[in-house]
Every structure is written in structure tokens, then in C-alpha cells.
Amino acid sequence: GPSKYYPAVPYNVDHFHTSCPIENWQDEYEIRYCELFGA
């Protein structure tokens, strides 16, 4: 997970949004483009 490496799909870091936590649950951008519980 931390390196965003899923070879059985395959996915790598290029297939994900830039890492960011959801800190403000009233921010539409964070909700849609940041990481839900770090995923």
C-alpha cells in the first residue's frame, strides 16, 4: 500500500491520485481525490 504497488492487477503509483489525507470533510476536493482512511 505505501508504495502503491499492485502487480497482480497491475497498478503502480502512476495510477493513483497524489497522496493526501481527508482532513476537512466539507472540502469536496479532499473527499473525492484524497485518501479515504489512508487507502
PDB file of all heavy atoms in Angstrom:
ATOM      1  N   GLY A   1       0.788  -1.224   0.000  1.00  0.00           N
ATOM      2  CA  GLY A   1       0.000   0.000   0.000  1.00  0.00           C
ATOM      3  C   GLY A   1       0.818   1.269   0.000  1.00  0.00           C
ATOM      4  O   GLY A   1       0.568   2.170  -0.815  1.00  0.00           O
ATOM      5  N   PRO A   2       1.816   1.402   0.907  1.00  0.00           N
ATOM      6  CA  PRO A   2       2.569   2.659   0.961  1.00  0.00           C
ATOM      7  C   PRO A   2       3.247   3.033  -0.358  1.00  0.00           C
ATOM      8  O   PRO A   2       3.337   4.216  -0.697  1.00  0.00           O
ATOM      9  CB  PRO A   2       3.600   2.381   2.062  1.00  0.00           C
ATOM     10  CG  PRO A   2       2.917   1.395   2.961  1.00  0.00           C
ATOM     11  CD  PRO A   2       2.139   0.514   2.042  1.00  0.00           C
ATOM     12  N   SER A   3       3.700   2.048  -1.130  1.00  0.00           N
ATOM     13  CA  SER A   3       4.340   2.359  -2.410  1.00  0.00           C
ATOM     14  C   SER A   3       3.372   2.276  -3.593  1.00  0.00           C
ATOM     15  O   SER A   3       3.772   2.486  -4.742  1.00  0.00           O
ATOM     16  CB  SER A   3       5.522   1.410  -2.648  1.00  0.00           C
ATOM     17  OG  SER A   3       5.072   0.071  -2.771  1.00  0.00           O
ATOM     18  N   LYS A   4       2.114   1.956  -3.305  1.00  0.00           N
ATOM     19  CA  LYS A   4       1.061   1.864  -4.332  1.00  0.00           C
ATOM     20  C   LYS A   4       1.450   0.881  -5.436  1.00  0.00           C
ATOM     21  O   LYS A   4       1.356   1.176  -6.636  1.00  0.00           O
ATOM     22  CB  LYS A   4       0.756   3.247  -4.919  1.00  0.00           C
ATOM     23  CG  LYS A   4       0.317   4.262  -3.865  1.00  0.00           C
ATOM     24  CD  LYS A   4       0.020   5.619  -4.464  1.00  0.00           C
ATOM     25  CE  LYS A   4      -0.397   6.615  -3.387  1.00  0.00           C
ATOM     26  NZ  LYS A   4      -0.632   7.968  -3.929  1.00  0.00           N
ATOM     27  N   TYR A   5       1.821  -0.312  -5.015  1.00  0.00           N
ATOM     28  CA  TYR A   5       2.322  -1.328  -5.945  1.00  0.00           C
ATOM     29  C   TYR A   5       1.440  -2.567  -5.854  1.00  0.00           C
ATOM     30  O   TYR A   5       1.391  -3.230  -4.815  1.00  0.00           O
ATOM     31  CB  TYR A   5       3.770  -1.663  -5.590  1.00  0.00           C
ATOM     32  CG  TYR A   5       4.415  -2.681  -6.509  1.00  0.00           C
ATOM     33  CD1 TYR A   5       4.462  -2.486  -7.893  1.00  0.00           C
ATOM     34  CD2 TYR A   5       4.979  -3.838  -5.984  1.00  0.00           C
ATOM     35  CE1 TYR A   5       5.060  -3.410  -8.731  1.00  0.00           C
ATOM     36  CE2 TYR A   5       5.593  -4.777  -6.825  1.00  0.00           C
ATOM     37  CZ  TYR A   5       5.622  -4.564  -8.189  1.00  0.00           C
ATOM     38  OH  TYR A   5       6.210  -5.482  -9.009  1.00  0.00           O
ATOM     39  N   TYR A   6       0.719  -2.852  -6.957  1.00  0.00           N
ATOM     40  CA  TYR A   6      -0.229  -3.966  -7.011  1.00  0.00           C
ATOM     41  C   TYR A   6       0.038  -4.756  -8.299  1.00  0.00           C
ATOM     42  O   TYR A   6      -0.692  -4.617  -9.287  1.00  0.00           O
ATOM     43  CB  TYR A   6      -1.670  -3.450  -6.960  1.00  0.00           C
ATOM     44  CG  TYR A   6      -1.916  -2.553  -5.762  1.00  0.00           C
ATOM     45  CD1 TYR A   6      -1.659  -1.186  -5.838  1.00  0.00           C
ATOM     46  CD2 TYR A   6      -2.357  -3.084  -4.561  1.00  0.00           C
ATOM     47  CE1 TYR A   6      -1.842  -0.371  -4.730  1.00  0.00           C
ATOM     48  CE2 TYR A   6      -2.549  -2.264  -3.448  1.00  0.00           C
ATOM     49  CZ  TYR A   6      -2.283  -0.915  -3.542  1.00  0.00           C
ATOM     50  OH  TYR A   6      -2.464  -0.121  -2.437  1.00  0.00           O
ATOM     51  N   PRO A   7       1.069  -5.569  -8.323  1.00  0.00           N
ATOM     52  CA  PRO A   7       1.497  -6.215  -9.573  1.00  0.00           C
ATOM     53  C   PRO A   7       0.488  -7.183 -10.154  1.00  0.00           C
ATOM     54  O   PRO A   7       0.534  -7.466 -11.366  1.00  0.00           O
ATOM     55  CB  PRO A   7       2.787  -6.942  -9.161  1.00  0.00           C
ATOM     56  CG  PRO A   7       2.681  -7.122  -7.677  1.00  0.00           C
ATOM     57  CD  PRO A   7       1.938  -5.924  -7.182  1.00  0.00           C
ATOM     58  N   ALA A   8      -0.422  -7.712  -9.350  1.00  0.00           N
ATOM     59  CA  ALA A   8      -1.390  -8.678  -9.871  1.00  0.00           C
ATOM     60  C   ALA A   8      -2.491  -8.019 -10.683  1.00  0.00           C
ATOM     61  O   ALA A   8      -3.275  -8.708 -11.338  1.00  0.00           O
ATOM     62  CB  ALA A   8      -1.994  -9.492  -8.718  1.00  0.00           C
ATOM     63  N   VAL A   9      -2.564  -6.670 -10.678  1.00  0.00           N
ATOM     64  CA  VAL A   9      -3.609  -6.010 -11.476  1.00  0.00           C
ATOM     65  C   VAL A   9      -3.177  -5.812 -12.948  1.00  0.00           C
ATOM     66  O   VAL A   9      -3.888  -6.322 -13.849  1.00  0.00           O
ATOM     67  CB  VAL A   9      -4.058  -4.698 -10.812  1.00  0.00           C
ATOM     68  CG1 VAL A   9      -5.128  -4.014 -11.683  1.00  0.00           C
ATOM     69  CG2 VAL A   9      -4.622  -4.946  -9.412  1.00  0.00           C
ATOM     70  N   PRO A  10      -2.111  -5.067 -13.308  1.00  0.00           N
ATOM     71  CA  PRO A  10      -1.200  -4.342 -12.417  1.00  0.00           C
ATOM     72  C   PRO A  10      -1.569  -2.855 -12.287  1.00  0.00           C
ATOM     73  O   PRO A  10      -2.044  -2.234 -13.242  1.00  0.00           O
ATOM     74  CB  PRO A  10       0.135  -4.489 -13.140  1.00  0.00           C
ATOM     75  CG  PRO A  10      -0.243  -4.495 -14.603  1.00  0.00           C
ATOM     76  CD  PRO A  10      -1.592  -5.141 -14.689  1.00  0.00           C
ATOM     77  N   TYR A  11      -1.313  -2.325 -11.081  1.00  0.00           N
ATOM     78  CA  TYR A  11      -1.336  -0.888 -10.808  1.00  0.00           C
ATOM     79  C   TYR A  11       0.003  -0.525 -10.191  1.00  0.00           C
ATOM     80  O   TYR A  11       0.611  -1.330  -9.459  1.00  0.00           O
ATOM     81  CB  TYR A  11      -2.418  -0.514  -9.790  1.00  0.00           C
ATOM     82  CG  TYR A  11      -3.851  -0.565 -10.271  1.00  0.00           C
ATOM     83  CD1 TYR A  11      -4.851  -1.039  -9.417  1.00  0.00           C
ATOM     84  CD2 TYR A  11      -4.235  -0.099 -11.519  1.00  0.00           C
ATOM     85  CE1 TYR A  11      -6.183  -1.079  -9.813  1.00  0.00           C
ATOM     86  CE2 TYR A  11      -5.572  -0.132 -11.928  1.00  0.00           C
ATOM     87  CZ  TYR A  11      -6.534  -0.624 -11.068  1.00  0.00           C
ATOM     88  OH  TYR A  11      -7.849  -0.660 -11.461  1.00  0.00           O
ATOM     89  N   ASN A  12       0.431   0.717 -10.445  1.00  0.00           N
ATOM     90  CA  ASN A  12       1.575   1.267  -9.735  1.00  0.00           C
ATOM     91  C   ASN A  12       1.245   2.696  -9.335  1.00  0.00           C
ATOM     92  O   ASN A  12       0.112   3.163  -9.528  1.00  0.00           O
ATOM     93  CB  ASN A  12       2.853   1.179 -10.587  1.00  0.00           C
ATOM     94  CG  ASN A  12       2.731   1.943 -11.898  1.00  0.00           C
ATOM     95  OD1 ASN A  12       2.245   3.070 -11.933  1.00  0.00           O
ATOM     96  ND2 ASN A  12       3.170   1.330 -12.997  1.00  0.00           N
ATOM     97  N   VAL A  13       2.221   3.404  -8.813  1.00  0.00           N
ATOM     98  CA  VAL A  13       1.982   4.733  -8.257  1.00  0.00           C
ATOM     99  C   VAL A  13       1.366   5.691  -9.282  1.00  0.00           C
ATOM    100  O   VAL A  13       0.630   6.626  -8.910  1.00  0.00           O
ATOM    101  CB  VAL A  13       3.304   5.312  -7.682  1.00  0.00           C
ATOM    102  CG1 VAL A  13       4.319   5.546  -8.801  1.00  0.00           C
ATOM    103  CG2 VAL A  13       3.049   6.566  -6.876  1.00  0.00           C
ATOM    104  N   ASP A  14       1.623   5.453 -10.570  1.00  0.00           N
ATOM    105  CA  ASP A  14       1.106   6.358 -11.605  1.00  0.00           C
ATOM    106  C   ASP A  14      -0.409   6.277 -11.778  1.00  0.00           C
ATOM    107  O   ASP A  14      -1.003   7.141 -12.435  1.00  0.00           O
ATOM    108  CB  ASP A  14       1.765   6.048 -12.950  1.00  0.00           C
ATOM    109  CG  ASP A  14       3.264   6.302 -12.943  1.00  0.00           C
ATOM    110  OD1 ASP A  14       3.700   7.180 -12.166  1.00  0.00           O
ATOM    111  OD2 ASP A  14       3.991   5.618 -13.692  1.00  0.00           O
ATOM    112  N   HIS A  15      -1.057   5.256 -11.223  1.00  0.00           N
ATOM    113  CA  HIS A  15      -2.491   5.038 -11.434  1.00  0.00           C
ATOM    114  C   HIS A  15      -3.349   5.579 -10.286  1.00  0.00           C
ATOM    115  O   HIS A  15      -4.558   5.336 -10.253  1.00  0.00           O
ATOM    116  CB  HIS A  15      -2.760   3.548 -11.620  1.00  0.00           C
ATOM    117  CG  HIS A  15      -2.025   2.967 -12.787  1.00  0.00           C
ATOM    118  ND1 HIS A  15      -1.130   1.935 -12.677  1.00  0.00           N
ATOM    119  CD2 HIS A  15      -2.028   3.336 -14.109  1.00  0.00           C
ATOM    120  CE1 HIS A  15      -0.618   1.661 -13.859  1.00  0.00           C
ATOM    121  NE2 HIS A  15      -1.143   2.493 -14.740  1.00  0.00           N
ATOM    122  N   PHE A  16      -2.728   6.340  -9.396  1.00  0.00           N
ATOM    123  CA  PHE A  16      -3.433   6.855  -8.225  1.00  0.00           C
ATOM    124  C   PHE A  16      -3.304   8.369  -8.153  1.00  0.00           C
ATOM    125  O   PHE A  16      -2.380   8.967  -8.722  1.00  0.00           O
ATOM    126  CB  PHE A  16      -2.845   6.242  -6.948  1.00  0.00           C
ATOM    127  CG  PHE A  16      -3.033   4.747  -6.861  1.00  0.00           C
ATOM    128  CD1 PHE A  16      -2.114   3.886  -7.458  1.00  0.00           C
ATOM    129  CD2 PHE A  16      -4.124   4.204  -6.214  1.00  0.00           C
ATOM    130  CE1 PHE A  16      -2.283   2.506  -7.393  1.00  0.00           C
ATOM    131  CE2 PHE A  16      -4.304   2.828  -6.144  1.00  0.00           C
ATOM    132  CZ  PHE A  16      -3.378   1.978  -6.747  1.00  0.00           C
ATOM    133  N   HIS A  17      -4.261   8.976  -7.445  1.00  0.00           N
ATOM    134  CA  HIS A  17      -4.136  10.397  -7.155  1.00  0.00           C
ATOM    135  C   HIS A  17      -2.973  10.624  -6.191  1.00  0.00           C
ATOM    136  O   HIS A  17      -2.593   9.718  -5.443  1.00  0.00           O
ATOM    137  CB  HIS A  17      -5.436  10.932  -6.528  1.00  0.00           C
ATOM    138  CG  HIS A  17      -6.585  10.947  -7.471  1.00  0.00           C
ATOM    139  ND1 HIS A  17      -7.774  10.309  -7.214  1.00  0.00           N
ATOM    140  CD2 HIS A  17      -6.736  11.533  -8.699  1.00  0.00           C
ATOM    141  CE1 HIS A  17      -8.610  10.488  -8.226  1.00  0.00           C
ATOM    142  NE2 HIS A  17      -8.004  11.228  -9.135  1.00  0.00           N
ATOM    143  N   THR A  18      -2.443  11.834  -6.212  1.00  0.00           N
ATOM    144  CA  THR A  18      -1.368  12.185  -5.285  1.00  0.00           C
ATOM    145  C   THR A  18      -1.847  12.006  -3.849  1.00  0.00           C
ATOM    146  O   THR A  18      -2.968  12.391  -3.504  1.00  0.00           O
ATOM    147  CB  THR A  18      -0.923  13.637  -5.510  1.00  0.00           C
ATOM    148  OG1 THR A  18      -0.517  13.785  -6.884  1.00  0.00           O
ATOM    149  CG2 THR A  18       0.224  14.007  -4.586  1.00  0.00           C
ATOM    150  N   SER A  19      -1.003  11.408  -3.032  1.00  0.00           N
ATOM    151  CA  SER A  19      -1.402  11.129  -1.639  1.00  0.00           C
ATOM    152  C   SER A  19      -1.733  12.411  -0.889  1.00  0.00           C
ATOM    153  O   SER A  19      -0.978  13.393  -0.930  1.00  0.00           O
ATOM    154  CB  SER A  19      -0.279  10.392  -0.906  1.00  0.00           C
ATOM    155  OG  SER A  19      -0.125   9.087  -1.415  1.00  0.00           O
ATOM    156  N   CYS A  20      -2.878  12.387  -0.218  1.00  0.00           N
ATOM    157  CA  CYS A  20      -3.277  13.473   0.671  1.00  0.00           C
ATOM    158  C   CYS A  20      -4.355  12.932   1.603  1.00  0.00           C
ATOM    159  O   CYS A  20      -5.200  12.124   1.190  1.00  0.00           O
ATOM    160  CB  CYS A  20      -3.785  14.696  -0.092  1.00  0.00           C
ATOM    161  SG  CYS A  20      -5.146  14.358  -1.255  1.00  0.00           S
ATOM    162  N   PRO A  21      -4.333  13.320   2.876  1.00  0.00           N
ATOM    163  CA  PRO A  21      -5.364  12.846   3.800  1.00  0.00           C
ATOM    164  C   PRO A  21      -6.640  13.671   3.662  1.00  0.00           C
ATOM    165  O   PRO A  21      -6.605  14.822   3.203  1.00  0.00           O
ATOM    166  CB  PRO A  21      -4.717  13.077   5.168  1.00  0.00           C
ATOM    167  CG  PRO A  21      -3.845  14.277   4.956  1.00  0.00           C
ATOM    168  CD  PRO A  21      -3.322  14.157   3.537  1.00  0.00           C
ATOM    169  N   ILE A  22      -7.773  13.073   4.031  1.00  0.00           N
ATOM    170  CA  ILE A  22      -9.017  13.849   4.132  1.00  0.00           C
ATOM    171  C   ILE A  22      -9.044  14.463   5.522  1.00  0.00           C
ATOM    172  O   ILE A  22      -9.244  13.781   6.526  1.00  0.00           O
ATOM    173  CB  ILE A  22     -10.261  12.963   3.903  1.00  0.00           C
ATOM    174  CG1 ILE A  22     -10.208  12.312   2.516  1.00  0.00           C
ATOM    175  CG2 ILE A  22     -11.537  13.803   4.043  1.00  0.00           C
ATOM    176  CD1 ILE A  22     -11.360  11.364   2.245  1.00  0.00           C
ATOM    177  N   GLU A  23      -8.803  15.749   5.574  1.00  0.00           N
ATOM    178  CA  GLU A  23      -8.780  16.465   6.853  1.00  0.00           C
ATOM    179  C   GLU A  23     -10.025  17.318   7.045  1.00  0.00           C
ATOM    180  O   GLU A  23     -10.503  17.503   8.170  1.00  0.00           O
ATOM    181  CB  GLU A  23      -7.524  17.338   6.934  1.00  0.00           C
ATOM    182  CG  GLU A  23      -6.231  16.520   6.918  1.00  0.00           C
ATOM    183  CD  GLU A  23      -4.991  17.393   6.971  1.00  0.00           C
ATOM    184  OE1 GLU A  23      -5.024  18.518   6.411  1.00  0.00           O
ATOM    185  OE2 GLU A  23      -3.991  16.962   7.576  1.00  0.00           O
ATOM    186  N   ASN A  24     -10.551  17.815   5.959  1.00  0.00           N
ATOM    187  CA  ASN A  24     -11.738  18.671   6.012  1.00  0.00           C
ATOM    188  C   ASN A  24     -12.873  17.973   5.276  1.00  0.00           C
ATOM    189  O   ASN A  24     -12.879  17.923   4.041  1.00  0.00           O
ATOM    190  CB  ASN A  24     -11.437  20.026   5.376  1.00  0.00           C
ATOM    191  CG  ASN A  24     -12.639  20.957   5.382  1.00  0.00           C
ATOM    192  OD1 ASN A  24     -13.694  20.622   5.921  1.00  0.00           O
ATOM    193  ND2 ASN A  24     -12.487  22.120   4.780  1.00  0.00           N
ATOM    194  N   TRP A  25     -13.840  17.442   6.021  1.00  0.00           N
ATOM    195  CA  TRP A  25     -14.931  16.684   5.415  1.00  0.00           C
ATOM    196  C   TRP A  25     -15.979  17.597   4.775  1.00  0.00           C
ATOM    197  O   TRP A  25     -16.999  17.123   4.289  1.00  0.00           O
ATOM    198  CB  TRP A  25     -15.578  15.756   6.443  1.00  0.00           C
ATOM    199  CG  TRP A  25     -14.685  14.584   6.725  1.00  0.00           C
ATOM    200  CD1 TRP A  25     -13.646  14.529   7.611  1.00  0.00           C
ATOM    201  CD2 TRP A  25     -14.717  13.313   6.064  1.00  0.00           C
ATOM    202  NE1 TRP A  25     -13.031  13.300   7.540  1.00  0.00           N
ATOM    203  CE2 TRP A  25     -13.667  12.525   6.618  1.00  0.00           C
ATOM    204  CE3 TRP A  25     -15.523  12.758   5.069  1.00  0.00           C
ATOM    205  CZ2 TRP A  25     -13.414  11.230   6.203  1.00  0.00           C
ATOM    206  CZ3 TRP A  25     -15.276  11.455   4.663  1.00  0.00           C
ATOM    207  CH2 TRP A  25     -14.231  10.698   5.217  1.00  0.00           C
ATOM    208  N   GLN A  26     -15.712  18.889   4.759  1.00  0.00           N
ATOM    209  CA  GLN A  26     -16.552  19.822   3.998  1.00  0.00           C
ATOM    210  C   GLN A  26     -15.833  20.332   2.753  1.00  0.00           C
ATOM    211  O   GLN A  26     -16.292  21.267   2.104  1.00  0.00           O
ATOM    212  CB  GLN A  26     -16.970  21.001   4.886  1.00  0.00           C
ATOM    213  CG  GLN A  26     -17.962  20.622   5.970  1.00  0.00           C
ATOM    214  CD  GLN A  26     -19.241  20.017   5.403  1.00  0.00           C
ATOM    215  OE1 GLN A  26     -19.831  20.547   4.472  1.00  0.00           O
ATOM    216  NE2 GLN A  26     -19.687  18.905   5.974  1.00  0.00           N
ATOM    217  N   ASP A  27     -14.719  19.685   2.426  1.00  0.00           N
ATOM    218  CA  ASP A  27     -13.962  20.052   1.242  1.00  0.00           C
ATOM    219  C   ASP A  27     -14.212  18.994   0.167  1.00  0.00           C
ATOM    220  O   ASP A  27     -13.752  17.855   0.276  1.00  0.00           O
ATOM    221  CB  ASP A  27     -12.468  20.125   1.579  1.00  0.00           C
ATOM    222  CG  ASP A  27     -11.620  20.643   0.419  1.00  0.00           C
ATOM    223  OD1 ASP A  27     -11.844  20.193  -0.726  1.00  0.00           O
ATOM    224  OD2 ASP A  27     -10.733  21.479   0.655  1.00  0.00           O
ATOM    225  N   GLU A  28     -14.934  19.381  -0.881  1.00  0.00           N
ATOM    226  CA  GLU A  28     -15.314  18.441  -1.929  1.00  0.00           C
ATOM    227  C   GLU A  28     -14.094  17.824  -2.599  1.00  0.00           C
ATOM    228  O   GLU A  28     -14.082  16.624  -2.907  1.00  0.00           O
ATOM    229  CB  GLU A  28     -16.186  19.147  -2.966  1.00  0.00           C
ATOM    230  CG  GLU A  28     -16.654  18.248  -4.101  1.00  0.00           C
ATOM    231  CD  GLU A  28     -17.511  18.993  -5.110  1.00  0.00           C
ATOM    232  OE1 GLU A  28     -17.939  20.124  -4.802  1.00  0.00           O
ATOM    233  OE2 GLU A  28     -17.746  18.444  -6.201  1.00  0.00           O
ATOM    234  N   TYR A  29     -13.063  18.619  -2.822  1.00  0.00           N
ATOM    235  CA  TYR A  29     -11.867  18.093  -3.482  1.00  0.00           C
ATOM    236  C   TYR A  29     -11.226  17.001  -2.634  1.00  0.00           C
ATOM    237  O   TYR A  29     -10.879  15.923  -3.150  1.00  0.00           O
ATOM    238  CB  TYR A  29     -10.847  19.207  -3.739  1.00  0.00           C
ATOM    239  CG  TYR A  29      -9.590  18.680  -4.406  1.00  0.00           C
ATOM    240  CD1 TYR A  29      -9.512  18.571  -5.787  1.00  0.00           C
ATOM    241  CD2 TYR A  29      -8.499  18.258  -3.639  1.00  0.00           C
ATOM    242  CE1 TYR A  29      -8.368  18.062  -6.402  1.00  0.00           C
ATOM    243  CE2 TYR A  29      -7.358  17.737  -4.241  1.00  0.00           C
ATOM    244  CZ  TYR A  29      -7.303  17.645  -5.618  1.00  0.00           C
ATOM    245  OH  TYR A  29      -6.177  17.117  -6.214  1.00  0.00           O
ATOM    246  N   GLU A  30     -11.047  17.251  -1.352  1.00  0.00           N
ATOM    247  CA  GLU A  30     -10.416  16.250  -0.491  1.00  0.00           C
ATOM    248  C   GLU A  30     -11.229  14.963  -0.450  1.00  0.00           C
ATOM    249  O   GLU A  30     -10.675  13.857  -0.493  1.00  0.00           O
ATOM    250  CB  GLU A  30     -10.241  16.803   0.929  1.00  0.00           C
ATOM    251  CG  GLU A  30      -9.148  17.842   1.051  1.00  0.00           C
ATOM    252  CD  GLU A  30      -8.861  18.202   2.500  1.00  0.00           C
ATOM    253  OE1 GLU A  30      -9.327  17.480   3.413  1.00  0.00           O
ATOM    254  OE2 GLU A  30      -8.166  19.207   2.725  1.00  0.00           O
ATOM    255  N   ILE A  31     -12.542  15.099  -0.375  1.00  0.00           N
ATOM    256  CA  ILE A  31     -13.400  13.909  -0.289  1.00  0.00           C
ATOM    257  C   ILE A  31     -13.270  13.057  -1.542  1.00  0.00           C
ATOM    258  O   ILE A  31     -13.231  11.825  -1.463  1.00  0.00           O
ATOM    259  CB  ILE A  31     -14.864  14.332  -0.060  1.00  0.00           C
ATOM    260  CG1 ILE A  31     -15.023  14.914   1.355  1.00  0.00           C
ATOM    261  CG2 ILE A  31     -15.811  13.143  -0.260  1.00  0.00           C
ATOM    262  CD1 ILE A  31     -16.365  15.556   1.598  1.00  0.00           C
ATOM    263  N   ARG A  32     -13.160  13.675  -2.690  1.00  0.00           N
ATOM    264  CA  ARG A  32     -13.172  12.927  -3.948  1.00  0.00           C
ATOM    265  C   ARG A  32     -11.783  12.528  -4.448  1.00  0.00           C
ATOM    266  O   ARG A  32     -11.663  11.563  -5.209  1.00  0.00           O
ATOM    267  CB  ARG A  32     -13.886  13.746  -5.029  1.00  0.00           C
ATOM    268  CG  ARG A  32     -15.396  13.739  -4.864  1.00  0.00           C
ATOM    269  CD  ARG A  32     -16.079  14.583  -5.895  1.00  0.00           C
ATOM    270  NE  ARG A  32     -17.507  14.263  -5.965  1.00  0.00           N
ATOM    271  CZ  ARG A  32     -18.412  15.016  -6.582  1.00  0.00           C
ATOM    272  NH1 ARG A  32     -18.044  16.128  -7.189  1.00  0.00           N
ATOM    273  NH2 ARG A  32     -19.687  14.656  -6.615  1.00  0.00           N
ATOM    274  N   TYR A  33     -10.747  13.235  -4.020  1.00  0.00           N
ATOM    275  CA  TYR A  33      -9.436  12.988  -4.609  1.00  0.00           C
ATOM    276  C   TYR A  33      -8.356  12.625  -3.599  1.00  0.00           C
ATOM    277  O   TYR A  33      -7.253  12.249  -4.002  1.00  0.00           O
ATOM    278  CB  TYR A  33      -8.984  14.207  -5.422  1.00  0.00           C
ATOM    279  CG  TYR A  33      -9.907  14.492  -6.582  1.00  0.00           C
ATOM    280  CD1 TYR A  33     -10.873  15.488  -6.507  1.00  0.00           C
ATOM    281  CD2 TYR A  33      -9.828  13.743  -7.754  1.00  0.00           C
ATOM    282  CE1 TYR A  33     -11.732  15.739  -7.563  1.00  0.00           C
ATOM    283  CE2 TYR A  33     -10.682  13.988  -8.823  1.00  0.00           C
ATOM    284  CZ  TYR A  33     -11.628  14.988  -8.717  1.00  0.00           C
ATOM    285  OH  TYR A  33     -12.486  15.223  -9.769  1.00  0.00           O
ATOM    286  N   CYS A  34      -8.652  12.718  -2.311  1.00  0.00           N
ATOM    287  CA  CYS A  34      -7.682  12.316  -1.292  1.00  0.00           C
ATOM    288  C   CYS A  34      -7.999  10.908  -0.803  1.00  0.00           C
ATOM    289  O   CYS A  34      -8.903  10.255  -1.309  1.00  0.00           O
ATOM    290  CB  CYS A  34      -7.663  13.326  -0.150  1.00  0.00           C
ATOM    291  SG  CYS A  34      -6.977  14.944  -0.647  1.00  0.00           S
ATOM    292  N   GLU A  35      -7.267  10.438   0.186  1.00  0.00           N
ATOM    293  CA  GLU A  35      -7.281   9.025   0.544  1.00  0.00           C
ATOM    294  C   GLU A  35      -8.211   8.744   1.729  1.00  0.00           C
ATOM    295  O   GLU A  35      -7.998   9.250   2.831  1.00  0.00           O
ATOM    296  CB  GLU A  35      -5.860   8.565   0.856  1.00  0.00           C
ATOM    297  CG  GLU A  35      -4.972   8.635  -0.378  1.00  0.00           C
ATOM    298  CD  GLU A  35      -3.517   8.305  -0.099  1.00  0.00           C
ATOM    299  OE1 GLU A  35      -3.101   8.388   1.061  1.00  0.00           O
ATOM    300  OE2 GLU A  35      -2.797   7.976  -1.067  1.00  0.00           O
ATOM    301  N   LEU A  36      -9.222   7.936   1.471  1.00  0.00           N
ATOM    302  CA  LEU A  36     -10.186   7.535   2.493  1.00  0.00           C
ATOM    303  C   LEU A  36      -9.502   6.577   3.463  1.00  0.00           C
ATOM    304  O   LEU A  36      -9.102   5.472   3.074  1.00  0.00           O
ATOM    305  CB  LEU A  36     -11.394   6.870   1.828  1.00  0.00           C
ATOM    306  CG  LEU A  36     -12.481   6.330   2.745  1.00  0.00           C
ATOM    307  CD1 LEU A  36     -13.133   7.464   3.531  1.00  0.00           C
ATOM    308  CD2 LEU A  36     -13.528   5.571   1.938  1.00  0.00           C
ATOM    309  N   PHE A  37      -9.349   7.008   4.705  1.00  0.00           N
ATOM    310  CA  PHE A  37      -8.682   6.201   5.741  1.00  0.00           C
ATOM    311  C   PHE A  37      -7.311   5.710   5.268  1.00  0.00           C
ATOM    312  O   PHE A  37      -6.884   4.599   5.595  1.00  0.00           O
ATOM    313  CB  PHE A  37      -9.558   5.017   6.151  1.00  0.00           C
ATOM    314  CG  PHE A  37     -10.923   5.415   6.627  1.00  0.00           C
ATOM    315  CD1 PHE A  37     -12.059   4.837   6.073  1.00  0.00           C
ATOM    316  CD2 PHE A  37     -11.094   6.387   7.609  1.00  0.00           C
ATOM    317  CE1 PHE A  37     -13.322   5.209   6.493  1.00  0.00           C
ATOM    318  CE2 PHE A  37     -12.357   6.766   8.041  1.00  0.00           C
ATOM    319  CZ  PHE A  37     -13.474   6.172   7.471  1.00  0.00           C
ATOM    320  N   GLY A  38      -6.630   6.534   4.483  1.00  0.00           N
ATOM    321  CA  GLY A  38      -5.282   6.214   4.065  1.00  0.00           C
ATOM    322  C   GLY A  38      -5.171   5.258   2.900  1.00  0.00           C
ATOM    323  O   GLY A  38      -4.062   4.847   2.517  1.00  0.00           O
ATOM    324  N   ALA A  39      -6.288   4.862   2.277  1.00  0.00           N
ATOM    325  CA  ALA A  39      -6.256   3.897   1.175  1.00  0.00           C
ATOM    326  C   ALA A  39      -5.898   4.604  -0.132  1.00  0.00           C
ATOM    327  O   ALA A  39      -6.522   5.612  -0.477  1.00  0.00           O
ATOM    328  CB  ALA A  39      -7.601   3.204   1.040  1.00  0.00           C
TER     329      ALA A  39
END
